[in-house]
Amino acid sequence: MNNSKEMAIIAYNAMDDKLARDIKIIDISNISVVADYFLIADASNRNQIQAIAGNVEELMHKSGYRLKSTEGYQSASWILLDYNDIIIHIFSSEDRLFYDLERIWKDGIVVDIDELNK
């Protein structure tokens, strides 16, 4: 399994463990050099958004992956975690609708977690 795929699985599971809503995995490897995957999810409040981000950071660190940068942790209406090969976006419901990254990256391929686990 390649690193970006493994990273996406770890991040997805970490997000799911903290009840992130509507987790989407978008394969952008054929349309961008920024990363291989975007993971996008939302949560109901600031504390949950921070808890999801914290769990992702912890499990990725335990798996040996280093966080390149993070944005938005203090305001926690949109936290971005950049792991080079994957970029994770955790939104408030309102901000997710407003920024609509799924529409912006519609040329990417939405991947189901079961497909990644194969």
N, C-alpha and C. Protein backbone atom coordinates (compact mmCIF):
# COMPACT_ATOMS: atom_id res chain seq x y z
N MET A 1 0.86 -1.18 0.00
CA MET A 1 0.00 0.00 0.00
C MET A 1 0.90 1.24 0.00
N ASN A 2 0.56 2.21 -0.84
CA ASN A 2 1.39 3.41 -0.86
C ASN A 2 1.10 4.29 0.35
N ASN A 3 2.04 5.18 0.65
CA ASN A 3 1.94 6.00 1.85
C ASN A 3 0.70 6.88 1.88
N SER A 4 0.37 7.53 0.76
CA SER A 4 -0.78 8.43 0.78
C SER A 4 -2.07 7.67 1.02
N LYS A 5 -2.17 6.49 0.48
CA LYS A 5 -3.36 5.66 0.69
C LYS A 5 -3.46 5.26 2.17
N GLU A 6 -2.34 4.81 2.72
CA GLU A 6 -2.30 4.43 4.14
C GLU A 6 -2.63 5.62 5.04
N MET A 7 -2.08 6.77 4.70
CA MET A 7 -2.35 7.98 5.47
C MET A 7 -3.84 8.34 5.42
N ALA A 8 -4.44 8.23 4.25
CA ALA A 8 -5.86 8.55 4.10
C ALA A 8 -6.72 7.62 4.94
N ILE A 9 -6.35 6.35 4.99
CA ILE A 9 -7.10 5.38 5.80
C ILE A 9 -6.99 5.71 7.28
N ILE A 10 -5.79 5.99 7.74
CA ILE A 10 -5.57 6.34 9.15
C ILE A 10 -6.36 7.59 9.51
N ALA A 11 -6.26 8.62 8.66
CA ALA A 11 -6.97 9.87 8.93
C ALA A 11 -8.48 9.67 8.92
N TYR A 12 -8.97 8.92 7.95
CA TYR A 12 -10.41 8.64 7.88
C TYR A 12 -10.89 7.98 9.17
N ASN A 13 -10.17 6.95 9.60
CA ASN A 13 -10.57 6.23 10.82
C ASN A 13 -10.50 7.12 12.05
N ALA A 14 -9.50 7.98 12.11
CA ALA A 14 -9.38 8.91 13.24
C ALA A 14 -10.56 9.88 13.26
N MET A 15 -10.95 10.35 12.09
CA MET A 15 -12.09 11.26 11.99
C MET A 15 -13.39 10.54 12.36
N ASP A 16 -13.53 9.34 11.85
CA ASP A 16 -14.73 8.55 12.12
C ASP A 16 -14.85 8.22 13.61
N ASP A 17 -13.72 7.94 14.26
CA ASP A 17 -13.71 7.64 15.70
C ASP A 17 -14.31 8.77 16.53
N LYS A 18 -14.13 10.01 16.06
CA LYS A 18 -14.65 11.18 16.79
C LYS A 18 -15.94 11.71 16.19
N LEU A 19 -16.59 10.85 15.39
CA LEU A 19 -17.93 11.11 14.84
C LEU A 19 -17.98 12.29 13.88
N ALA A 20 -16.94 12.45 13.09
CA ALA A 20 -16.99 13.46 12.02
C ALA A 20 -18.12 13.09 11.07
N ARG A 21 -18.76 14.10 10.52
CA ARG A 21 -19.91 13.86 9.65
C ARG A 21 -19.51 13.94 8.18
N ASP A 22 -20.16 13.09 7.41
CA ASP A 22 -20.06 13.11 5.94
C ASP A 22 -18.61 13.21 5.48
N ILE A 23 -17.79 12.26 5.89
CA ILE A 23 -16.37 12.25 5.51
C ILE A 23 -16.25 11.89 4.03
N LYS A 24 -15.60 12.76 3.28
CA LYS A 24 -15.36 12.52 1.86
C LYS A 24 -13.86 12.40 1.63
N ILE A 25 -13.49 11.42 0.83
CA ILE A 25 -12.11 11.25 0.40
C ILE A 25 -12.10 11.56 -1.10
N ILE A 26 -11.31 12.55 -1.49
CA ILE A 26 -11.25 12.93 -2.90
C ILE A 26 -9.82 12.71 -3.39
N ASP A 27 -9.69 11.85 -4.40
CA ASP A 27 -8.40 11.59 -5.03
C ASP A 27 -8.14 12.73 -6.02
N ILE A 28 -7.15 13.55 -5.72
CA ILE A 28 -6.81 14.67 -6.60
C ILE A 28 -5.45 14.47 -7.27
N SER A 29 -4.93 13.25 -7.19
CA SER A 29 -3.57 12.98 -7.68
C SER A 29 -3.41 13.23 -9.18
N ASN A 30 -4.47 13.07 -9.94
CA ASN A 30 -4.37 13.27 -11.39
C ASN A 30 -4.65 14.70 -11.83
N ILE A 31 -5.06 15.56 -10.89
CA ILE A 31 -5.41 16.93 -11.29
C ILE A 31 -4.61 18.00 -10.53
N SER A 32 -3.79 17.58 -9.58
CA SER A 32 -3.05 18.55 -8.78
C SER A 32 -1.74 17.96 -8.26
N VAL A 33 -0.76 18.82 -8.09
CA VAL A 33 0.50 18.41 -7.48
C VAL A 33 0.51 18.73 -5.99
N VAL A 34 -0.57 19.33 -5.50
CA VAL A 34 -0.66 19.74 -4.10
C VAL A 34 -0.64 18.54 -3.16
N ALA A 35 -1.39 17.50 -3.51
CA ALA A 35 -1.51 16.30 -2.67
C ALA A 35 -2.14 15.19 -3.49
N ASP A 36 -2.20 14.01 -2.90
CA ASP A 36 -2.88 12.89 -3.55
C ASP A 36 -4.36 12.83 -3.15
N TYR A 37 -4.63 13.15 -1.87
CA TYR A 37 -6.00 13.07 -1.38
C TYR A 37 -6.36 14.28 -0.54
N PHE A 38 -7.60 14.70 -0.66
CA PHE A 38 -8.24 15.61 0.28
C PHE A 38 -9.22 14.78 1.08
N LEU A 39 -9.24 14.99 2.38
CA LEU A 39 -10.30 14.44 3.23
C LEU A 39 -11.09 15.62 3.77
N ILE A 40 -12.39 15.57 3.61
CA ILE A 40 -13.25 16.68 4.01
C ILE A 40 -14.36 16.13 4.90
N ALA A 41 -14.59 16.81 6.02
CA ALA A 41 -15.67 16.40 6.92
C ALA A 41 -16.15 17.62 7.68
N ASP A 42 -17.25 17.46 8.40
CA ASP A 42 -17.70 18.55 9.26
C ASP A 42 -18.12 18.00 10.60
N ALA A 43 -18.32 18.93 11.52
CA ALA A 43 -18.71 18.58 12.89
C ALA A 43 -19.66 19.65 13.41
N SER A 44 -20.32 19.34 14.49
CA SER A 44 -21.41 20.21 14.95
C SER A 44 -20.95 21.41 15.77
N ASN A 45 -19.75 21.35 16.35
CA ASN A 45 -19.32 22.48 17.17
C ASN A 45 -17.79 22.55 17.24
N ARG A 46 -17.31 23.64 17.77
CA ARG A 46 -15.87 23.93 17.85
C ARG A 46 -15.11 22.85 18.60
N ASN A 47 -15.64 22.40 19.72
CA ASN A 47 -14.95 21.37 20.52
C ASN A 47 -14.81 20.07 19.74
N GLN A 48 -15.85 19.69 19.02
CA GLN A 48 -15.77 18.46 18.24
C GLN A 48 -14.78 18.61 17.08
N ILE A 49 -14.77 19.77 16.43
CA ILE A 49 -13.82 20.00 15.35
C ILE A 49 -12.39 19.85 15.87
N GLN A 50 -12.11 20.44 17.03
CA GLN A 50 -10.78 20.34 17.63
C GLN A 50 -10.46 18.90 18.06
N ALA A 51 -11.46 18.20 18.58
CA ALA A 51 -11.25 16.81 19.00
C ALA A 51 -10.93 15.92 17.80
N ILE A 52 -11.62 16.14 16.70
CA ILE A 52 -11.35 15.37 15.48
C ILE A 52 -9.92 15.64 15.01
N ALA A 53 -9.56 16.91 14.93
CA ALA A 53 -8.20 17.27 14.50
C ALA A 53 -7.15 16.68 15.43
N GLY A 54 -7.40 16.76 16.72
CA GLY A 54 -6.46 16.20 17.70
C GLY A 54 -6.28 14.71 17.54
N ASN A 55 -7.38 14.01 17.28
CA ASN A 55 -7.30 12.56 17.11
C ASN A 55 -6.55 12.20 15.83
N VAL A 56 -6.78 12.94 14.77
CA VAL A 56 -6.03 12.72 13.53
C VAL A 56 -4.55 12.92 13.79
N GLU A 57 -4.19 14.01 14.43
CA GLU A 57 -2.78 14.29 14.70
C GLU A 57 -2.15 13.18 15.54
N GLU A 58 -2.86 12.74 16.55
CA GLU A 58 -2.32 11.69 17.43
C GLU A 58 -2.09 10.38 16.68
N LEU A 59 -3.09 9.93 15.93
CA LEU A 59 -2.96 8.65 15.25
C LEU A 59 -1.96 8.71 14.09
N MET A 60 -1.90 9.84 13.42
CA MET A 60 -0.91 9.98 12.35
C MET A 60 0.50 9.99 12.93
N HIS A 61 0.69 10.69 14.04
CA HIS A 61 1.99 10.73 14.71
C HIS A 61 2.41 9.33 15.16
N LYS A 62 1.48 8.59 15.75
CA LYS A 62 1.78 7.22 16.21
C LYS A 62 2.14 6.32 15.04
N SER A 63 1.63 6.64 13.86
CA SER A 63 1.92 5.84 12.67
C SER A 63 3.18 6.32 11.94
N GLY A 64 3.82 7.35 12.49
CA GLY A 64 5.08 7.82 11.94
C GLY A 64 4.97 8.91 10.89
N TYR A 65 3.80 9.53 10.77
CA TYR A 65 3.61 10.60 9.79
C TYR A 65 3.69 11.95 10.47
N ARG A 66 4.44 12.85 9.83
CA ARG A 66 4.67 14.18 10.40
C ARG A 66 3.73 15.20 9.78
N LEU A 67 3.18 16.03 10.62
CA LEU A 67 2.33 17.13 10.19
C LEU A 67 3.20 18.24 9.63
N LYS A 68 2.94 18.62 8.39
CA LYS A 68 3.71 19.71 7.76
C LYS A 68 3.24 21.06 8.30
N SER A 69 1.93 21.26 8.32
CA SER A 69 1.40 22.51 8.85
C SER A 69 -0.07 22.35 9.22
N THR A 70 -0.52 23.26 10.05
CA THR A 70 -1.92 23.27 10.45
C THR A 70 -2.41 24.72 10.44
N GLU A 71 -3.68 24.89 10.14
CA GLU A 71 -4.29 26.22 10.12
C GLU A 71 -5.65 26.15 10.79
N GLY A 72 -6.02 27.22 11.45
CA GLY A 72 -7.38 27.37 11.94
C GLY A 72 -7.72 26.74 13.27
N TYR A 73 -6.72 26.24 13.99
CA TYR A 73 -7.04 25.52 15.23
C TYR A 73 -7.71 26.42 16.27
N GLN A 74 -7.28 27.65 16.38
CA GLN A 74 -7.85 28.53 17.42
C GLN A 74 -9.31 28.88 17.14
N SER A 75 -9.62 29.27 15.91
CA SER A 75 -11.01 29.63 15.61
C SER A 75 -11.88 28.39 15.48
N ALA A 76 -11.31 27.32 14.98
CA ALA A 76 -11.95 26.01 14.88
C ALA A 76 -13.27 26.02 14.12
N SER A 77 -13.39 26.90 13.14
CA SER A 77 -14.54 26.77 12.25
C SER A 77 -14.11 26.03 10.98
N TRP A 78 -12.79 25.99 10.75
CA TRP A 78 -12.21 25.21 9.65
C TRP A 78 -10.77 24.93 10.04
N ILE A 79 -10.47 23.68 10.30
CA ILE A 79 -9.10 23.29 10.61
C ILE A 79 -8.55 22.53 9.41
N LEU A 80 -7.36 22.93 8.98
CA LEU A 80 -6.67 22.28 7.89
C LEU A 80 -5.42 21.61 8.44
N LEU A 81 -5.25 20.35 8.13
CA LEU A 81 -4.06 19.59 8.52
C LEU A 81 -3.36 19.14 7.24
N ASP A 82 -2.14 19.57 7.04
CA ASP A 82 -1.40 19.26 5.82
C ASP A 82 -0.31 18.24 6.14
N TYR A 83 -0.46 17.07 5.54
CA TYR A 83 0.52 16.00 5.68
C TYR A 83 1.27 15.73 4.37
N ASN A 84 1.42 16.76 3.55
CA ASN A 84 2.05 16.68 2.24
C ASN A 84 1.23 15.86 1.24
N ASP A 85 1.14 14.55 1.43
CA ASP A 85 0.44 13.69 0.49
C ASP A 85 -1.07 13.71 0.67
N ILE A 86 -1.53 14.07 1.86
CA ILE A 86 -2.97 14.23 2.09
C ILE A 86 -3.19 15.55 2.83
N ILE A 87 -4.32 16.15 2.54
CA ILE A 87 -4.70 17.38 3.23
C ILE A 87 -6.09 17.16 3.80
N ILE A 88 -6.24 17.45 5.08
CA ILE A 88 -7.48 17.19 5.79
C ILE A 88 -8.16 18.52 6.12
N HIS A 89 -9.44 18.59 5.81
CA HIS A 89 -10.25 19.78 6.08
C HIS A 89 -11.39 19.37 7.01
N ILE A 90 -11.44 19.99 8.19
CA ILE A 90 -12.52 19.72 9.14
C ILE A 90 -13.25 21.04 9.35
N PHE A 91 -14.50 21.07 8.97
CA PHE A 91 -15.29 22.30 8.95
C PHE A 91 -16.40 22.30 9.98
N SER A 92 -16.87 23.51 10.30
CA SER A 92 -18.20 23.64 10.88
C SER A 92 -19.16 23.39 9.72
N SER A 93 -20.39 23.01 10.02
CA SER A 93 -21.36 22.75 8.95
C SER A 93 -21.56 23.95 8.05
N GLU A 94 -21.63 25.14 8.66
CA GLU A 94 -21.85 26.35 7.88
C GLU A 94 -20.68 26.65 6.95
N ASP A 95 -19.47 26.54 7.46
CA ASP A 95 -18.29 26.83 6.63
C ASP A 95 -18.12 25.80 5.52
N ARG A 96 -18.47 24.56 5.79
CA ARG A 96 -18.37 23.55 4.73
C ARG A 96 -19.29 23.90 3.57
N LEU A 97 -20.50 24.30 3.89
CA LEU A 97 -21.44 24.71 2.83
C LEU A 97 -20.93 25.95 2.10
N PHE A 98 -20.40 26.90 2.84
CA PHE A 98 -19.95 28.15 2.25
C PHE A 98 -18.77 27.93 1.30
N TYR A 99 -17.74 27.21 1.74
CA TYR A 99 -16.54 27.02 0.91
C TYR A 99 -16.71 25.95 -0.15
N ASP A 100 -17.55 24.96 0.10
CA ASP A 100 -17.94 23.94 -0.89
C ASP A 100 -16.75 23.37 -1.66
N LEU A 101 -15.77 22.84 -0.94
CA LEU A 101 -14.58 22.28 -1.57
C LEU A 101 -14.90 21.12 -2.50
N GLU A 102 -15.96 20.38 -2.19
CA GLU A 102 -16.34 19.27 -3.06
C GLU A 102 -16.67 19.79 -4.47
N ARG A 103 -17.30 20.95 -4.58
CA ARG A 103 -17.61 21.52 -5.88
C ARG A 103 -16.33 22.03 -6.55
N ILE A 104 -15.50 22.70 -5.78
CA ILE A 104 -14.26 23.25 -6.34
C ILE A 104 -13.37 22.14 -6.89
N TRP A 105 -13.32 21.01 -6.20
CA TRP A 105 -12.48 19.88 -6.60
C TRP A 105 -13.30 18.79 -7.27
N LYS A 106 -14.36 19.16 -7.98
CA LYS A 106 -15.26 18.18 -8.59
C LYS A 106 -14.58 17.32 -9.65
N ASP A 107 -13.45 17.75 -10.17
CA ASP A 107 -12.72 16.95 -11.15
C ASP A 107 -11.93 15.82 -10.50
N GLY A 108 -11.84 15.85 -9.17
CA GLY A 108 -11.22 14.75 -8.45
C GLY A 108 -12.19 13.58 -8.38
N ILE A 109 -11.69 12.45 -7.93
CA ILE A 109 -12.50 11.23 -7.84
C ILE A 109 -12.83 10.97 -6.38
N VAL A 110 -14.13 10.95 -6.06
CA VAL A 110 -14.55 10.61 -4.70
C VAL A 110 -14.33 9.12 -4.51
N VAL A 111 -13.59 8.78 -3.46
CA VAL A 111 -13.21 7.39 -3.19
C VAL A 111 -13.87 6.93 -1.91
N ASP A 112 -14.43 5.74 -1.93
CA ASP A 112 -15.01 5.15 -0.73
C ASP A 112 -13.91 4.52 0.11
N ILE A 113 -14.07 4.58 1.42
CA ILE A 113 -13.05 4.01 2.31
C ILE A 113 -12.83 2.52 2.04
N ASP A 114 -13.87 1.81 1.64
CA ASP A 114 -13.72 0.39 1.34
C ASP A 114 -12.81 0.16 0.12
N GLU A 115 -12.86 1.07 -0.83
CA GLU A 115 -11.97 0.98 -1.99
C GLU A 115 -10.51 1.16 -1.58
N LEU A 116 -10.27 2.07 -0.64
CA LEU A 116 -8.89 2.30 -0.19
C LEU A 116 -8.36 1.10 0.58
N ASN A 117 -9.24 0.42 1.29
CA ASN A 117 -8.82 -0.72 2.12
C ASN A 117 -8.50 -1.97 1.30
N LYS A 118 -8.79 -1.95 0.00
CA LYS A 118 -8.53 -3.14 -0.85
C LYS A 118 -7.07 -3.31 -1.09
